[in-house]
Amino acid sequence: MNRKKKLNKEYKVHFSSLRDLINSWDLIPESPPDEFDSINHMCLSLLCRGADRIKLGASLHHELTTNYGYAVDKHSTDILAKQVFELWLTINKI
């Protein structure tokens, strides 16, 4: 398998795992499964570029408050970032 196909396959696995996590937060009850895919893409992009938990938390906070209009505090988004970061570490051990 060439490198590009391998990366695409890995991305799909990462995307699916992260989508499951984000949807488990139940930010909008009964929303379609792709409702927060923009957050998923943002997180994966940051993580692939080596972002740490602090950067991830700040980006999640910005995305949720600015683009989705949530009144969420920084501590809450730091908790979400920790979950995303731990998932990232787990799926990259495989």
N, C-alpha and C. Protein backbone atom coordinates (compact mmCIF):
# COMPACT_ATOMS: atom_id res chain seq x y z
N MET A 1 0.85 -1.17 0.00
CA MET A 1 0.00 0.00 0.00
C MET A 1 0.90 1.24 0.00
N ASN A 2 0.60 2.18 -0.89
CA ASN A 2 1.44 3.37 -0.92
C ASN A 2 1.13 4.27 0.28
N ARG A 3 2.01 5.22 0.51
CA ARG A 3 1.94 6.07 1.71
C ARG A 3 0.63 6.88 1.78
N LYS A 4 0.20 7.41 0.64
CA LYS A 4 -1.01 8.23 0.63
C LYS A 4 -2.24 7.40 1.01
N LYS A 5 -2.35 6.19 0.47
CA LYS A 5 -3.48 5.33 0.80
C LYS A 5 -3.43 4.94 2.27
N LYS A 6 -2.24 4.68 2.78
CA LYS A 6 -2.09 4.32 4.19
C LYS A 6 -2.54 5.47 5.09
N LEU A 7 -2.12 6.69 4.75
CA LEU A 7 -2.52 7.86 5.53
C LEU A 7 -4.02 8.09 5.48
N ASN A 8 -4.61 7.91 4.29
CA ASN A 8 -6.06 8.06 4.16
C ASN A 8 -6.81 7.04 5.02
N LYS A 9 -6.33 5.81 5.03
CA LYS A 9 -6.95 4.77 5.84
C LYS A 9 -6.84 5.11 7.32
N GLU A 10 -5.66 5.54 7.75
CA GLU A 10 -5.45 5.92 9.15
C GLU A 10 -6.35 7.10 9.52
N TYR A 11 -6.47 8.08 8.63
CA TYR A 11 -7.30 9.25 8.90
C TYR A 11 -8.75 8.83 9.11
N LYS A 12 -9.24 7.93 8.28
CA LYS A 12 -10.63 7.47 8.40
C LYS A 12 -10.87 6.78 9.74
N VAL A 13 -9.91 5.99 10.17
CA VAL A 13 -10.03 5.31 11.47
C VAL A 13 -10.02 6.34 12.59
N HIS A 14 -9.09 7.29 12.52
CA HIS A 14 -8.99 8.35 13.53
C HIS A 14 -10.26 9.19 13.54
N PHE A 15 -10.74 9.53 12.36
CA PHE A 15 -11.93 10.36 12.23
C PHE A 15 -13.14 9.66 12.87
N SER A 16 -13.29 8.39 12.57
CA SER A 16 -14.42 7.63 13.10
C SER A 16 -14.35 7.54 14.63
N SER A 17 -13.18 7.26 15.15
CA SER A 17 -13.01 7.16 16.61
C SER A 17 -13.30 8.50 17.28
N LEU A 18 -12.78 9.56 16.70
CA LEU A 18 -12.98 10.89 17.27
C LEU A 18 -14.44 11.33 17.14
N ARG A 19 -15.09 10.98 16.05
CA ARG A 19 -16.51 11.30 15.89
C ARG A 19 -17.32 10.64 16.99
N ASP A 20 -17.01 9.39 17.28
CA ASP A 20 -17.72 8.69 18.36
C ASP A 20 -17.54 9.42 19.69
N LEU A 21 -16.32 9.85 19.97
CA LEU A 21 -16.07 10.57 21.23
C LEU A 21 -16.83 11.89 21.27
N ILE A 22 -16.72 12.68 20.22
CA ILE A 22 -17.39 13.98 20.19
C ILE A 22 -18.90 13.82 20.31
N ASN A 23 -19.46 12.84 19.61
CA ASN A 23 -20.90 12.60 19.70
C ASN A 23 -21.31 12.13 21.09
N SER A 24 -20.41 11.48 21.80
CA SER A 24 -20.74 11.03 23.16
C SER A 24 -20.90 12.21 24.12
N TRP A 25 -20.39 13.37 23.76
CA TRP A 25 -20.55 14.56 24.60
C TRP A 25 -22.00 15.05 24.57
N ASP A 26 -22.75 14.65 23.57
CA ASP A 26 -24.18 14.99 23.45
C ASP A 26 -24.40 16.51 23.54
N LEU A 27 -23.61 17.24 22.77
CA LEU A 27 -23.69 18.70 22.79
C LEU A 27 -25.05 19.21 22.32
N ILE A 28 -25.60 18.55 21.32
CA ILE A 28 -26.96 18.85 20.86
C ILE A 28 -27.69 17.51 20.82
N PRO A 29 -28.52 17.25 21.81
CA PRO A 29 -29.22 15.97 21.84
C PRO A 29 -29.96 15.68 20.52
N GLU A 30 -29.83 14.45 20.08
CA GLU A 30 -30.48 13.94 18.87
C GLU A 30 -30.01 14.64 17.59
N SER A 31 -28.82 15.22 17.62
CA SER A 31 -28.28 15.84 16.40
C SER A 31 -27.76 14.75 15.47
N PRO A 32 -27.66 15.05 14.18
CA PRO A 32 -27.12 14.05 13.25
C PRO A 32 -25.65 13.75 13.59
N PRO A 33 -25.18 12.55 13.26
CA PRO A 33 -23.83 12.16 13.64
C PRO A 33 -22.72 13.05 13.06
N ASP A 34 -23.01 13.75 11.98
CA ASP A 34 -21.98 14.60 11.37
C ASP A 34 -22.05 16.06 11.83
N GLU A 35 -22.88 16.35 12.80
CA GLU A 35 -23.11 17.74 13.25
C GLU A 35 -21.81 18.43 13.67
N PHE A 36 -20.92 17.71 14.29
CA PHE A 36 -19.70 18.32 14.82
C PHE A 36 -18.44 17.87 14.07
N ASP A 37 -18.62 17.49 12.80
CA ASP A 37 -17.46 17.07 12.02
C ASP A 37 -16.44 18.18 11.81
N SER A 38 -16.87 19.44 11.86
CA SER A 38 -15.90 20.53 11.73
C SER A 38 -14.95 20.53 12.94
N ILE A 39 -15.48 20.20 14.11
CA ILE A 39 -14.63 20.10 15.30
C ILE A 39 -13.69 18.90 15.15
N ASN A 40 -14.22 17.83 14.63
CA ASN A 40 -13.42 16.63 14.40
C ASN A 40 -12.24 16.95 13.48
N HIS A 41 -12.52 17.58 12.34
CA HIS A 41 -11.46 17.93 11.40
C HIS A 41 -10.44 18.88 12.05
N MET A 42 -10.93 19.84 12.79
CA MET A 42 -10.03 20.79 13.45
C MET A 42 -9.10 20.07 14.41
N CYS A 43 -9.66 19.20 15.24
CA CYS A 43 -8.86 18.47 16.22
C CYS A 43 -7.82 17.59 15.53
N LEU A 44 -8.24 16.84 14.53
CA LEU A 44 -7.30 15.97 13.83
C LEU A 44 -6.20 16.76 13.15
N SER A 45 -6.56 17.88 12.57
CA SER A 45 -5.56 18.73 11.92
C SER A 45 -4.53 19.22 12.93
N LEU A 46 -5.00 19.69 14.06
CA LEU A 46 -4.09 20.16 15.11
C LEU A 46 -3.20 19.03 15.63
N LEU A 47 -3.80 17.89 15.89
CA LEU A 47 -3.05 16.77 16.44
C LEU A 47 -2.01 16.24 15.44
N CYS A 48 -2.38 16.18 14.18
CA CYS A 48 -1.43 15.74 13.15
C CYS A 48 -0.23 16.68 13.03
N ARG A 49 -0.47 17.95 13.37
CA ARG A 49 0.61 18.94 13.32
C ARG A 49 1.36 19.05 14.65
N GLY A 50 1.00 18.18 15.62
CA GLY A 50 1.74 18.13 16.86
C GLY A 50 1.27 19.06 17.97
N ALA A 51 0.02 19.52 17.88
CA ALA A 51 -0.49 20.41 18.93
C ALA A 51 -0.54 19.69 20.27
N ASP A 52 -0.34 20.45 21.33
CA ASP A 52 -0.46 19.88 22.68
C ASP A 52 -1.88 20.08 23.20
N ARG A 53 -2.12 19.59 24.42
CA ARG A 53 -3.45 19.69 25.02
C ARG A 53 -3.90 21.12 25.24
N ILE A 54 -2.97 22.00 25.55
CA ILE A 54 -3.31 23.41 25.79
C ILE A 54 -3.83 24.05 24.50
N LYS A 55 -3.12 23.84 23.42
CA LYS A 55 -3.53 24.39 22.11
C LYS A 55 -4.87 23.79 21.70
N LEU A 56 -5.02 22.49 21.91
CA LEU A 56 -6.26 21.81 21.57
C LEU A 56 -7.43 22.38 22.38
N GLY A 57 -7.21 22.59 23.67
CA GLY A 57 -8.26 23.15 24.53
C GLY A 57 -8.66 24.55 24.11
N ALA A 58 -7.68 25.38 23.79
CA ALA A 58 -7.97 26.74 23.34
C ALA A 58 -8.76 26.74 22.04
N SER A 59 -8.40 25.85 21.14
CA SER A 59 -9.10 25.76 19.86
C SER A 59 -10.52 25.24 20.02
N LEU A 60 -10.68 24.23 20.89
CA LEU A 60 -12.03 23.73 21.16
C LEU A 60 -12.90 24.81 21.79
N HIS A 61 -12.32 25.55 22.72
CA HIS A 61 -13.07 26.63 23.36
C HIS A 61 -13.53 27.66 22.34
N HIS A 62 -12.62 28.07 21.48
CA HIS A 62 -12.94 29.05 20.43
C HIS A 62 -14.04 28.50 19.51
N GLU A 63 -13.88 27.28 19.06
CA GLU A 63 -14.85 26.68 18.14
C GLU A 63 -16.24 26.59 18.77
N LEU A 64 -16.30 26.11 20.00
CA LEU A 64 -17.60 25.93 20.65
C LEU A 64 -18.26 27.25 21.02
N THR A 65 -17.48 28.24 21.43
CA THR A 65 -18.08 29.52 21.83
C THR A 65 -18.34 30.43 20.64
N THR A 66 -17.42 30.49 19.71
CA THR A 66 -17.55 31.42 18.59
C THR A 66 -18.42 30.86 17.46
N ASN A 67 -18.13 29.65 17.04
CA ASN A 67 -18.84 29.11 15.87
C ASN A 67 -20.14 28.40 16.22
N TYR A 68 -20.22 27.83 17.42
CA TYR A 68 -21.45 27.13 17.81
C TYR A 68 -22.28 27.91 18.83
N GLY A 69 -21.72 28.95 19.41
CA GLY A 69 -22.47 29.81 20.32
C GLY A 69 -22.72 29.26 21.72
N TYR A 70 -21.92 28.29 22.12
CA TYR A 70 -22.07 27.73 23.46
C TYR A 70 -21.48 28.68 24.50
N ALA A 71 -22.11 28.72 25.67
CA ALA A 71 -21.56 29.45 26.81
C ALA A 71 -20.83 28.42 27.66
N VAL A 72 -19.63 28.09 27.26
CA VAL A 72 -18.84 27.06 27.93
C VAL A 72 -17.57 27.69 28.49
N ASP A 73 -17.22 27.29 29.70
CA ASP A 73 -16.01 27.87 30.29
C ASP A 73 -14.76 27.13 29.84
N LYS A 74 -13.64 27.76 30.05
CA LYS A 74 -12.36 27.22 29.60
C LYS A 74 -12.06 25.88 30.27
N HIS A 75 -12.39 25.75 31.54
CA HIS A 75 -12.13 24.50 32.24
C HIS A 75 -12.86 23.32 31.58
N SER A 76 -14.09 23.54 31.18
CA SER A 76 -14.87 22.48 30.52
C SER A 76 -14.25 22.06 29.20
N THR A 77 -13.79 23.02 28.43
CA THR A 77 -13.17 22.66 27.15
C THR A 77 -11.80 22.01 27.37
N ASP A 78 -11.14 22.34 28.47
CA ASP A 78 -9.88 21.66 28.79
C ASP A 78 -10.13 20.18 29.08
N ILE A 79 -11.25 19.88 29.73
CA ILE A 79 -11.61 18.49 30.01
C ILE A 79 -11.89 17.75 28.70
N LEU A 80 -12.60 18.39 27.79
CA LEU A 80 -12.87 17.79 26.48
C LEU A 80 -11.58 17.57 25.72
N ALA A 81 -10.68 18.56 25.77
CA ALA A 81 -9.39 18.44 25.09
C ALA A 81 -8.59 17.27 25.65
N LYS A 82 -8.66 17.08 26.95
CA LYS A 82 -7.95 15.96 27.58
C LYS A 82 -8.47 14.64 27.02
N GLN A 83 -9.79 14.52 26.88
CA GLN A 83 -10.38 13.30 26.32
C GLN A 83 -9.91 13.07 24.89
N VAL A 84 -9.91 14.12 24.09
CA VAL A 84 -9.47 14.01 22.69
C VAL A 84 -8.00 13.63 22.65
N PHE A 85 -7.20 14.27 23.46
CA PHE A 85 -5.76 14.00 23.46
C PHE A 85 -5.47 12.57 23.90
N GLU A 86 -6.17 12.09 24.92
CA GLU A 86 -5.97 10.72 25.38
C GLU A 86 -6.40 9.71 24.32
N LEU A 87 -7.49 10.00 23.61
CA LEU A 87 -7.90 9.14 22.50
C LEU A 87 -6.82 9.11 21.43
N TRP A 88 -6.28 10.27 21.11
CA TRP A 88 -5.23 10.38 20.09
C TRP A 88 -4.03 9.53 20.48
N LEU A 89 -3.63 9.61 21.73
CA LEU A 89 -2.49 8.80 22.19
C LEU A 89 -2.80 7.31 22.09
N THR A 90 -4.03 6.94 22.43
CA THR A 90 -4.43 5.54 22.39
C THR A 90 -4.46 5.00 20.96
N ILE A 91 -5.09 5.72 20.06
CA ILE A 91 -5.22 5.20 18.69
C ILE A 91 -3.90 5.22 17.93
N ASN A 92 -2.97 6.01 18.39
CA ASN A 92 -1.66 6.03 17.71
C ASN A 92 -0.68 5.03 18.28
N LYS A 93 -1.09 4.28 19.31
CA LYS A 93 -0.27 3.19 19.82
C LYS A 93 -0.48 1.92 19.03
N ILE A 94 -1.59 1.89 18.31
CA ILE A 94 -1.95 0.68 17.55
C ILE A 94 -0.98 0.48 16.41
